[in-house]
C-alpha atoms as a PDB file:
ATOM      1  CA  UNK A   1      14.622   2.353 -16.124  1.00  0.00           C
ATOM      2  CA  UNK A   2      13.915   0.134 -12.782  1.00  0.00           C
ATOM      3  CA  UNK A   3      11.127   2.028 -11.364  1.00  0.00           C
ATOM      4  CA  UNK A   4      10.223   1.033  -7.687  1.00  0.00           C
ATOM      5  CA  UNK A   5       6.721   1.988  -5.597  1.00  0.00           C
ATOM      6  CA  UNK A   6       7.392   3.541  -2.123  1.00  0.00           C
ATOM      7  CA  UNK A   7       4.368   3.347  -1.223  1.00  0.00           C
ATOM      8  CA  UNK A   8       4.203   4.411   2.690  1.00  0.00           C
ATOM      9  CA  UNK A   9       2.614   3.220   5.810  1.00  0.00           C
ATOM     10  CA  UNK A  10      -0.407   5.397   5.648  1.00  0.00           C
ATOM     11  CA  UNK A  11      -1.231   4.384   1.999  1.00  0.00           C
ATOM     12  CA  UNK A  12      -0.322   0.331   2.799  1.00  0.00           C
ATOM     13  CA  UNK A  13      -2.569   0.024   5.979  1.00  0.00           C
ATOM     14  CA  UNK A  14      -5.600   2.848   4.468  1.00  0.00           C
ATOM     15  CA  UNK A  15      -5.217   3.819   1.090  1.00  0.00           C
ATOM     16  CA  UNK A  16      -3.808   0.835  -1.003  1.00  0.00           C
ATOM     17  CA  UNK A  17      -6.271   1.729  -3.937  1.00  0.00           C
ATOM     18  CA  UNK A  18      -4.109   4.811  -4.148  1.00  0.00           C
ATOM     19  CA  UNK A  19      -0.905   2.814  -4.816  1.00  0.00           C
ATOM     20  CA  UNK A  20      -2.677   0.719  -7.169  1.00  0.00           C
ATOM     21  CA  UNK A  21      -3.822   3.942  -8.949  1.00  0.00           C
ATOM     22  CA  UNK A  22       0.040   4.721  -8.920  1.00  0.00           C
ATOM     23  CA  UNK A  23       0.739   1.763 -10.805  1.00  0.00           C
ATOM     24  CA  UNK A  24      -2.101   1.666 -13.235  1.00  0.00           C
ATOM     25  CA  UNK A  25      -1.517   5.152 -14.273  1.00  0.00           C
ATOM     26  CA  UNK A  26       2.441   4.551 -14.590  1.00  0.00           C
ATOM     27  CA  UNK A  27       1.839   1.476 -16.667  1.00  0.00           C
ATOM     28  CA  UNK A  28      -0.371   2.970 -18.924  1.00  0.00           C
ATOM     29  CA  UNK A  29       2.705   5.752 -19.550  1.00  0.00           C
ATOM     30  CA  UNK A  30       4.766   2.365 -20.364  1.00  0.00           C
ATOM     31  CA  UNK A  31       6.577   2.224 -16.871  1.00  0.00           C
ATOM     32  CA  UNK A  32       7.496  -0.986 -15.451  1.00  0.00           C
ATOM     33  CA  UNK A  33       6.885  -0.836 -11.586  1.00  0.00           C
ATOM     34  CA  UNK A  34       8.012  -2.859  -9.009  1.00  0.00           C
ATOM     35  CA  UNK A  35       6.869  -3.203  -5.300  1.00  0.00           C
ATOM     36  CA  UNK A  36       9.909  -4.127  -2.965  1.00  0.00           C
ATOM     37  CA  UNK A  37       8.051  -6.535  -0.455  1.00  0.00           C
ATOM     38  CA  UNK A  38      10.750  -5.788   2.187  1.00  0.00           C
ATOM     39  CA  UNK A  39       9.873  -2.020   2.155  1.00  0.00           C
ATOM     40  CA  UNK A  40       8.819  -0.473   5.841  1.00  0.00           C
ATOM     41  CA  UNK A  41       8.051   2.775   7.394  1.00  0.00           C
ATOM     42  CA  UNK A  42      10.864   5.356   6.173  1.00  0.00           C
ATOM     43  CA  UNK A  43      11.279   6.842   9.713  1.00  0.00           C
ATOM     44  CA  UNK A  44       9.612   9.740   9.553  1.00  0.00           C
ATOM     45  CA  UNK A  45       7.334   9.366  12.269  1.00  0.00           C
ATOM     46  CA  UNK A  46      10.255   8.550  14.785  1.00  0.00           C
ATOM     47  CA  UNK A  47      11.867  11.123  13.573  1.00  0.00           C
ATOM     48  CA  UNK A  48       9.863  13.696  13.417  1.00  0.00           C
ATOM     49  CA  UNK A  49       8.757  13.240  17.254  1.00  0.00           C
ATOM     50  CA  UNK A  50      12.215  13.672  18.326  1.00  0.00           C
ATOM     51  CA  UNK A  51      13.652   9.794  17.972  1.00  0.00           C
ATOM     52  CA  UNK A  52      16.293  10.473  15.292  1.00  0.00           C
ATOM     53  CA  UNK A  53      18.879   7.609  16.551  1.00  0.00           C
ATOM     54  CA  UNK A  54      15.228   5.273  16.337  1.00  0.00           C
ATOM     55  CA  UNK A  55      14.833   6.580  12.705  1.00  0.00           C
ATOM     56  CA  UNK A  56      18.411   5.292  11.758  1.00  0.00           C
ATOM     57  CA  UNK A  57      17.727   1.624  11.021  1.00  0.00           C
ATOM     58  CA  UNK A  58      14.745   2.142   9.274  1.00  0.00           C
ATOM     59  CA  UNK A  59      16.935   4.794   7.077  1.00  0.00           C
ATOM     60  CA  UNK A  60      19.441   2.076   6.196  1.00  0.00           C
ATOM     61  CA  UNK A  61      16.806  -0.102   5.843  1.00  0.00           C
ATOM     62  CA  UNK A  62      15.079   1.892   3.220  1.00  0.00           C
ATOM     63  CA  UNK A  63      18.102   2.174   1.584  1.00  0.00           C
ATOM     64  CA  UNK A  64      18.963  -1.757   1.449  1.00  0.00           C
ATOM     65  CA  UNK A  65      15.628  -2.557   0.093  1.00  0.00           C
ATOM     66  CA  UNK A  66      15.444  -0.004  -2.724  1.00  0.00           C
ATOM     67  CA  UNK A  67      19.154  -0.399  -3.587  1.00  0.00           C
ATOM     68  CA  UNK A  68      19.510  -0.528  -7.424  1.00  0.00           C
ATOM     69  CA  UNK A  69      16.560   0.808  -8.618  1.00  0.00           C
ATOM     70  CA  UNK A  70      16.957   4.054 -11.000  1.00  0.00           C
ATOM     71  CA  UNK A  71      13.762   5.684  -9.362  1.00  0.00           C
ATOM     72  CA  UNK A  72      11.709   5.555  -6.532  1.00  0.00           C
ATOM     73  CA  UNK A  73       8.301   6.723  -6.986  1.00  0.00           C
ATOM     74  CA  UNK A  74       6.127   7.726  -3.757  1.00  0.00           C
ATOM     75  CA  UNK A  75       2.284   9.029  -3.799  1.00  0.00           C
ATOM     76  CA  UNK A  76       3.627  10.895  -0.869  1.00  0.00           C
ATOM     77  CA  UNK A  77       4.954  14.501  -0.282  1.00  0.00           C
ATOM     78  CA  UNK A  78       5.913  13.828   3.565  1.00  0.00           C
ATOM     79  CA  UNK A  79       7.548  10.772   3.003  1.00  0.00           C
ATOM     80  CA  UNK A  80       9.502  11.900  -0.519  1.00  0.00           C
ATOM     81  CA  UNK A  81      10.685  15.179   1.747  1.00  0.00           C
ATOM     82  CA  UNK A  82      11.762  12.498   4.513  1.00  0.00           C
ATOM     83  CA  UNK A  83      14.012  10.799   2.003  1.00  0.00           C
ATOM     84  CA  UNK A  84      15.284  13.641   0.557  1.00  0.00           C
ATOM     85  CA  UNK A  85      15.419  16.552   3.228  1.00  0.00           C
ATOM     86  CA  UNK A  86      16.217  14.323   6.121  1.00  0.00           C
ATOM     87  CA  UNK A  87      17.873  11.765   5.264  1.00  0.00           C
ATOM     88  CA  UNK A  88      20.786  13.996   4.349  1.00  0.00           C
ATOM     89  CA  UNK A  89      20.596  15.522   8.003  1.00  0.00           C
ATOM     90  CA  UNK A  90      20.866  12.164   9.604  1.00  0.00           C
ATOM     91  CA  UNK A  91      24.039  11.264   8.313  1.00  0.00           C
ATOM     92  CA  UNK A  92      25.358  14.824   8.575  1.00  0.00           C
ATOM     93  CA  UNK A  93      24.327  14.595  12.570  1.00  0.00           C
ATOM     94  CA  UNK A  94      25.565  11.207  12.941  1.00  0.00           C
ATOM     95  CA  UNK A  95      28.782  12.244  11.743  1.00  0.00           C
ATOM     96  CA  UNK A  96      29.022  15.493  13.740  1.00  0.00           C
ATOM     97  CA  UNK A  97      28.132  12.915  16.868  1.00  0.00           C
ATOM     98  CA  UNK A  98      31.081  11.446  15.993  1.00  0.00           C
ATOM     99  CA  UNK A  99      29.780   8.326  14.655  1.00  0.00           C
ATOM    100  CA  UNK A 100      31.147   8.278  11.297  1.00  0.00           C
ATOM    101  CA  UNK A 101      30.074   8.565   7.867  1.00  0.00           C
ATOM    102  CA  UNK A 102      28.432   4.952   7.221  1.00  0.00           C
ATOM    103  CA  UNK A 103      25.133   6.339   7.628  1.00  0.00           C
ATOM    104  CA  UNK A 104      25.680   8.929   4.881  1.00  0.00           C
ATOM    105  CA  UNK A 105      27.058   6.762   2.685  1.00  0.00           C
ATOM    106  CA  UNK A 106      24.028   3.863   2.791  1.00  0.00           C
ATOM    107  CA  UNK A 107      21.625   6.415   2.373  1.00  0.00           C
ATOM    108  CA  UNK A 108      23.644   8.855  -0.493  1.00  0.00           C
ATOM    109  CA  UNK A 109      22.321   6.684  -3.001  1.00  0.00           C
ATOM    110  CA  UNK A 110      18.672   6.944  -2.667  1.00  0.00           C
ATOM    111  CA  UNK A 111      18.296  10.560  -1.994  1.00  0.00           C
ATOM    112  CA  UNK A 112      18.401  11.842  -5.495  1.00  0.00           C
ATOM    113  CA  UNK A 113      16.585   8.777  -6.777  1.00  0.00           C
ATOM    114  CA  UNK A 114      13.467   9.436  -4.682  1.00  0.00           C
ATOM    115  CA  UNK A 115      10.530  11.242  -6.352  1.00  0.00           C
ATOM    116  CA  UNK A 116       7.087  12.090  -5.558  1.00  0.00           C
ATOM    117  CA  UNK A 117       4.550  11.036  -8.575  1.00  0.00           C
ATOM    118  CA  UNK A 118       4.139  14.183  -9.611  1.00  0.00           C
ATOM    119  CA  UNK A 119       7.676  15.458  -9.608  1.00  0.00           C
ATOM    120  CA  UNK A 120       8.140  12.006 -11.757  1.00  0.00           C
ATOM    121  CA  UNK A 121       5.502  12.816 -14.144  1.00  0.00           C
ATOM    122  CA  UNK A 122       6.339  16.229 -15.357  1.00  0.00           C
ATOM    123  CA  UNK A 123      10.269  15.782 -14.581  1.00  0.00           C
ATOM    124  CA  UNK A 124      11.644  12.544 -15.668  1.00  0.00           C
ATOM    125  CA  UNK A 125       8.959  11.508 -17.940  1.00  0.00           C
ATOM    126  CA  UNK A 126       8.274  14.864 -19.468  1.00  0.00           C
ATOM    127  CA  UNK A 127       4.426  14.330 -19.333  1.00  0.00           C
ATOM    128  CA  UNK A 128       1.668  16.338 -18.236  1.00  0.00           C
ATOM    129  CA  UNK A 129      -1.227  14.891 -20.147  1.00  0.00           C
ATOM    130  CA  UNK A 130      -1.370  11.665 -18.738  1.00  0.00           C
ATOM    131  CA  UNK A 131      -4.819  10.540 -20.904  1.00  0.00           C
ATOM    132  CA  UNK A 132      -7.146  10.902 -17.967  1.00  0.00           C
ATOM    133  CA  UNK A 133     -10.815  11.871 -17.722  1.00  0.00           C
ATOM    134  CA  UNK A 134     -12.429  13.131 -14.471  1.00  0.00           C
ATOM    135  CA  UNK A 135     -15.424  14.736 -14.900  1.00  0.00           C
ATOM    136  CA  UNK A 136     -16.252  16.615 -11.711  1.00  0.00           C
ATOM    137  CA  UNK A 137     -15.145  19.923 -10.130  1.00  0.00           C
ATOM    138  CA  UNK A 138     -12.392  19.966  -8.316  1.00  0.00           C
ATOM    139  CA  UNK A 139      -9.673  21.920  -5.849  1.00  0.00           C
ATOM    140  CA  UNK A 140      -6.193  20.965  -5.096  1.00  0.00           C
ATOM    141  CA  UNK A 141      -4.684  21.613  -1.600  1.00  0.00           C
ATOM    142  CA  UNK A 142      -0.830  21.780  -1.883  1.00  0.00           C
ATOM    143  CA  UNK A 143       0.210  20.212   1.624  1.00  0.00           C
ATOM    144  CA  UNK A 144       3.351  21.398   3.236  1.00  0.00           C
ATOM    145  CA  UNK A 145       5.976  18.952   2.756  1.00  0.00           C
ATOM    146  CA  UNK A 146       5.272  19.153  -1.204  1.00  0.00           C
ATOM    147  CA  UNK A 147       4.937  22.761  -1.017  1.00  0.00           C
ATOM    148  CA  UNK A 148       7.727  23.662   1.082  1.00  0.00           C
ATOM    149  CA  UNK A 149       9.978  20.694   1.402  1.00  0.00           C
ATOM    150  CA  UNK A 150       9.882  19.684  -2.320  1.00  0.00           C
ATOM    151  CA  UNK A 151       9.150  22.283  -3.769  1.00  0.00           C
ATOM    152  CA  UNK A 152       6.062  21.030  -5.985  1.00  0.00           C
ATOM    153  CA  UNK A 153       4.761  24.265  -7.372  1.00  0.00           C
ATOM    154  CA  UNK A 154       2.589  24.000 -10.273  1.00  0.00           C
ATOM    155  CA  UNK A 155       3.566  20.198 -11.164  1.00  0.00           C
ATOM    156  CA  UNK A 156       0.099  19.065  -9.526  1.00  0.00           C
ATOM    157  CA  UNK A 157      -1.724  21.632 -11.057  1.00  0.00           C
ATOM    158  CA  UNK A 158      -0.259  21.831 -14.426  1.00  0.00           C
ATOM    159  CA  UNK A 159      -1.135  17.236 -14.514  1.00  0.00           C
ATOM    160  CA  UNK A 160      -4.793  18.875 -13.291  1.00  0.00           C
ATOM    161  CA  UNK A 161      -5.269  21.012 -15.962  1.00  0.00           C
ATOM    162  CA  UNK A 162      -5.035  18.381 -18.501  1.00  0.00           C
ATOM    163  CA  UNK A 163      -7.701  16.103 -17.410  1.00  0.00           C
ATOM    164  CA  UNK A 164     -10.278  15.405 -19.617  1.00  0.00           C
ATOM    165  CA  UNK A 165     -13.667  16.754 -18.118  1.00  0.00           C
ATOM    166  CA  UNK A 166     -12.137  18.205 -14.708  1.00  0.00           C
ATOM    167  CA  UNK A 167     -13.045  21.486 -13.528  1.00  0.00           C
ATOM    168  CA  UNK A 168      -9.641  23.249 -11.712  1.00  0.00           C
ATOM    169  CA  UNK A 169     -10.662  25.977  -9.156  1.00  0.00           C
ATOM    170  CA  UNK A 170      -8.601  27.505  -7.398  1.00  0.00           C
ATOM    171  CA  UNK A 171      -8.397  26.695  -3.240  1.00  0.00           C
ATOM    172  CA  UNK A 172      -8.629  30.190  -0.986  1.00  0.00           C
ATOM    173  CA  UNK A 173      -5.743  30.259   1.390  1.00  0.00           C
ATOM    174  CA  UNK A 174      -4.285  27.340  -0.347  1.00  0.00           C
ATOM    175  CA  UNK A 175      -0.541  27.514   1.208  1.00  0.00           C
ATOM    176  CA  UNK A 176      -2.225  27.512   4.655  1.00  0.00           C
ATOM    177  CA  UNK A 177      -1.649  24.045   6.118  1.00  0.00           C
ATOM    178  CA  UNK A 178      -4.688  21.823   6.795  1.00  0.00           C
ATOM    179  CA  UNK A 179      -3.483  21.348  10.660  1.00  0.00           C
ATOM    180  CA  UNK A 180      -2.733  17.874  10.644  1.00  0.00           C
ATOM    181  CA  UNK A 181       1.081  17.882  10.959  1.00  0.00           C
ATOM    182  CA  UNK A 182       1.356  14.045  11.910  1.00  0.00           C
ATOM    183  CA  UNK A 183       1.808  13.706  15.729  1.00  0.00           C
ATOM    184  CA  UNK A 184       1.022  17.892  15.677  1.00  0.00           C
ATOM    185  CA  UNK A 185      -2.711  16.817  15.235  1.00  0.00           C
ATOM    186  CA  UNK A 186      -2.083  14.473  18.548  1.00  0.00           C
ATOM    187  CA  UNK A 187      -0.076  16.845  20.886  1.00  0.00           C
ATOM    188  CA  UNK A 188      -2.279  20.219  19.494  1.00  0.00           C
ATOM    189  CA  UNK A 189      -5.620  18.518  18.942  1.00  0.00           C
ATOM    190  CA  UNK A 190      -7.824  21.866  19.244  1.00  0.00           C
ATOM    191  CA  UNK A 191      -5.577  24.034  17.295  1.00  0.00           C
ATOM    192  CA  UNK A 192      -5.133  21.437  14.762  1.00  0.00           C
ATOM    193  CA  UNK A 193      -9.488  20.814  14.120  1.00  0.00           C
ATOM    194  CA  UNK A 194      -9.654  24.426  14.088  1.00  0.00           C
ATOM    195  CA  UNK A 195      -6.951  24.599  11.069  1.00  0.00           C
ATOM    196  CA  UNK A 196      -8.765  21.734   9.210  1.00  0.00           C
ATOM    197  CA  UNK A 197     -11.829  23.707   9.510  1.00  0.00           C
ATOM    198  CA  UNK A 198     -10.163  26.568   8.003  1.00  0.00           C
ATOM    199  CA  UNK A 199      -9.051  24.473   5.361  1.00  0.00           C
ATOM    200  CA  UNK A 200     -12.805  22.643   4.692  1.00  0.00           C
ATOM    201  CA  UNK A 201     -14.271  26.007   4.909  1.00  0.00           C
ATOM    202  CA  UNK A 202     -12.466  27.606   2.333  1.00  0.00           C
ATOM    203  CA  UNK A 203     -12.630  24.132   0.195  1.00  0.00           C
ATOM    204  CA  UNK A 204     -16.269  24.424   0.670  1.00  0.00           C
ATOM    205  CA  UNK A 205     -16.700  28.162  -0.558  1.00  0.00           C
ATOM    206  CA  UNK A 206     -15.195  27.108  -4.219  1.00  0.00           C
ATOM    207  CA  UNK A 207     -18.306  25.222  -4.977  1.00  0.00           C
ATOM    208  CA  UNK A 208     -16.179  22.100  -5.918  1.00  0.00           C
ATOM    209  CA  UNK A 209     -17.363  18.586  -4.891  1.00  0.00           C
ATOM    210  CA  UNK A 210     -13.826  16.604  -4.776  1.00  0.00           C
ATOM    211  CA  UNK A 211     -10.321  18.015  -2.496  1.00  0.00           C
ATOM    212  CA  UNK A 212      -7.729  16.981  -3.937  1.00  0.00           C
ATOM    213  CA  UNK A 213      -3.913  16.285  -2.697  1.00  0.00           C
ATOM    214  CA  UNK A 214      -1.048  14.230  -3.059  1.00  0.00           C
ATOM    215  CA  UNK A 215      -0.691  13.197   0.565  1.00  0.00           C
ATOM    216  CA  UNK A 216      -3.435  10.597   1.968  1.00  0.00           C
ATOM    217  CA  UNK A 217      -2.528  11.591   5.771  1.00  0.00           C
ATOM    218  CA  UNK A 218      -3.588  15.278   4.817  1.00  0.00           C
ATOM    219  CA  UNK A 219      -6.526  14.168   3.332  1.00  0.00           C
ATOM    220  CA  UNK A 220      -7.495  11.509   6.089  1.00  0.00           C
ATOM    221  CA  UNK A 221      -7.383  14.841   8.549  1.00  0.00           C
ATOM    222  CA  UNK A 222      -9.323  17.115   5.934  1.00  0.00           C
ATOM    223  CA  UNK A 223     -11.557  14.053   5.054  1.00  0.00           C
ATOM    224  CA  UNK A 224     -12.613  13.795   8.743  1.00  0.00           C
ATOM    225  CA  UNK A 225     -13.749  16.782   9.096  1.00  0.00           C
ATOM    226  CA  UNK A 226     -15.834  16.862   6.339  1.00  0.00           C
ATOM    227  CA  UNK A 227     -17.221  13.970   7.677  1.00  0.00           C
ATOM    228  CA  UNK A 228     -18.253  15.468  10.836  1.00  0.00           C
ATOM    229  CA  UNK A 229     -19.387  18.328   9.257  1.00  0.00           C
ATOM    230  CA  UNK A 230     -21.271  15.850   6.819  1.00  0.00           C
ATOM    231  CA  UNK A 231     -20.191  17.929   3.596  1.00  0.00           C
ATOM    232  CA  UNK A 232     -21.128  16.151   0.290  1.00  0.00           C
ATOM    233  CA  UNK A 233     -17.189  17.234  -0.719  1.00  0.00           C
ATOM    234  CA  UNK A 234     -14.813  13.916  -0.933  1.00  0.00           C
ATOM    235  CA  UNK A 235     -11.046  13.938  -0.316  1.00  0.00           C
ATOM    236  CA  UNK A 236      -9.639  11.796  -3.570  1.00  0.00           C
ATOM    237  CA  UNK A 237      -5.800  11.483  -3.892  1.00  0.00           C
ATOM    238  CA  UNK A 238      -4.507  13.133  -7.203  1.00  0.00           C
ATOM    239  CA  UNK A 239      -2.921   9.602  -8.095  1.00  0.00           C
ATOM    240  CA  UNK A 240      -6.450   8.200  -8.224  1.00  0.00           C
ATOM    241  CA  UNK A 241      -7.710  11.237 -10.723  1.00  0.00           C
ATOM    242  CA  UNK A 242      -4.748  10.640 -12.845  1.00  0.00           C
ATOM    243  CA  UNK A 243      -5.178   7.062 -13.369  1.00  0.00           C
ATOM    244  CA  UNK A 244      -8.939   7.369 -14.034  1.00  0.00           C
ATOM    245  CA  UNK A 245     -10.241   7.045 -17.321  1.00  0.00           C
ATOM    246  CA  UNK A 246     -13.567   7.372 -19.527  1.00  0.00           C
ATOM    247  CA  UNK A 247     -13.368   3.117 -19.363  1.00  0.00           C
ATOM    248  CA  UNK A 248     -12.528   3.179 -16.123  1.00  0.00           C
ATOM    249  CA  UNK A 249     -13.453   6.075 -13.240  1.00  0.00           C
ATOM    250  CA  UNK A 250     -11.216   5.158 -10.563  1.00  0.00           C
ATOM    251  CA  UNK A 251     -12.357   7.758  -7.830  1.00  0.00           C
END
C-alpha cells in the first residue's frame, strides 16, 4: 500500500509535531508513509468563505499531487471532510454551471482514498490497540467536521481506550461546537469566544489534565481560552497520544 501524509496548512505552519507523530505511529504499525512535497492548501478556507471558484485550482492541484497513492491520511477532520464531502459538490456545481465535468473527473479519484487518521487506523488497518502509552487523565472533544461530516463516531475513543496508562473521562456536552469554525471565529468573535469558554468549562469539570481532539485548528481555539484562563489543562492532538510509548512520550 502506498500511503501519503496530507499534513494540512495549519499543521505544517503551527503543529509540525503532529505530522511527525503520524509518521512515527504508522511506521510502528508497519506502514511506510510518503510526504509529497508539492502539497498545498486543499482550498477549504477559500470554499467556506465563499470563494468556490478560487478553491478549484487548489483542489485540482491536490488531486495531481496525491495521484497514484492507495491512501491519503490526514490528521485533520476538517480538511478530510473538505476532500470527501465538498470536492464532489465542487465538481457537481461546475457541471451545473455549464463548465463540463472535467473538475469532477479530476477530483473523483482522490475522494474515496482520503482518510482521517483514526478512520485509517480502525477501518483500513483494522487496529484499535496501537501499542501506545500515555499515563494521563484525558477527555476527548469530537470536532464538528469529524463528528458530522465524516461520521467518525467512536473510532477515536476506541483507540484512546486501548492506550496503556490513559484514563479516559467523558466530556459533558461533547457534541457542542467549540466555536472555532474557521472564519466564523473572525467574523463572530464574541459568540466564538463564548462557545470556547463553554467548552473549556465543560472540559475542566472532568478533572482531566489533557483535552484531546483530532483537529489542531479547534485545539488552537480551545487552547487560547485555556491559556487566558491560566488553566492547568493541556490541548493535545490524538496523533501525539497514540504515537507515545513507554520509551518515548511525545506530548
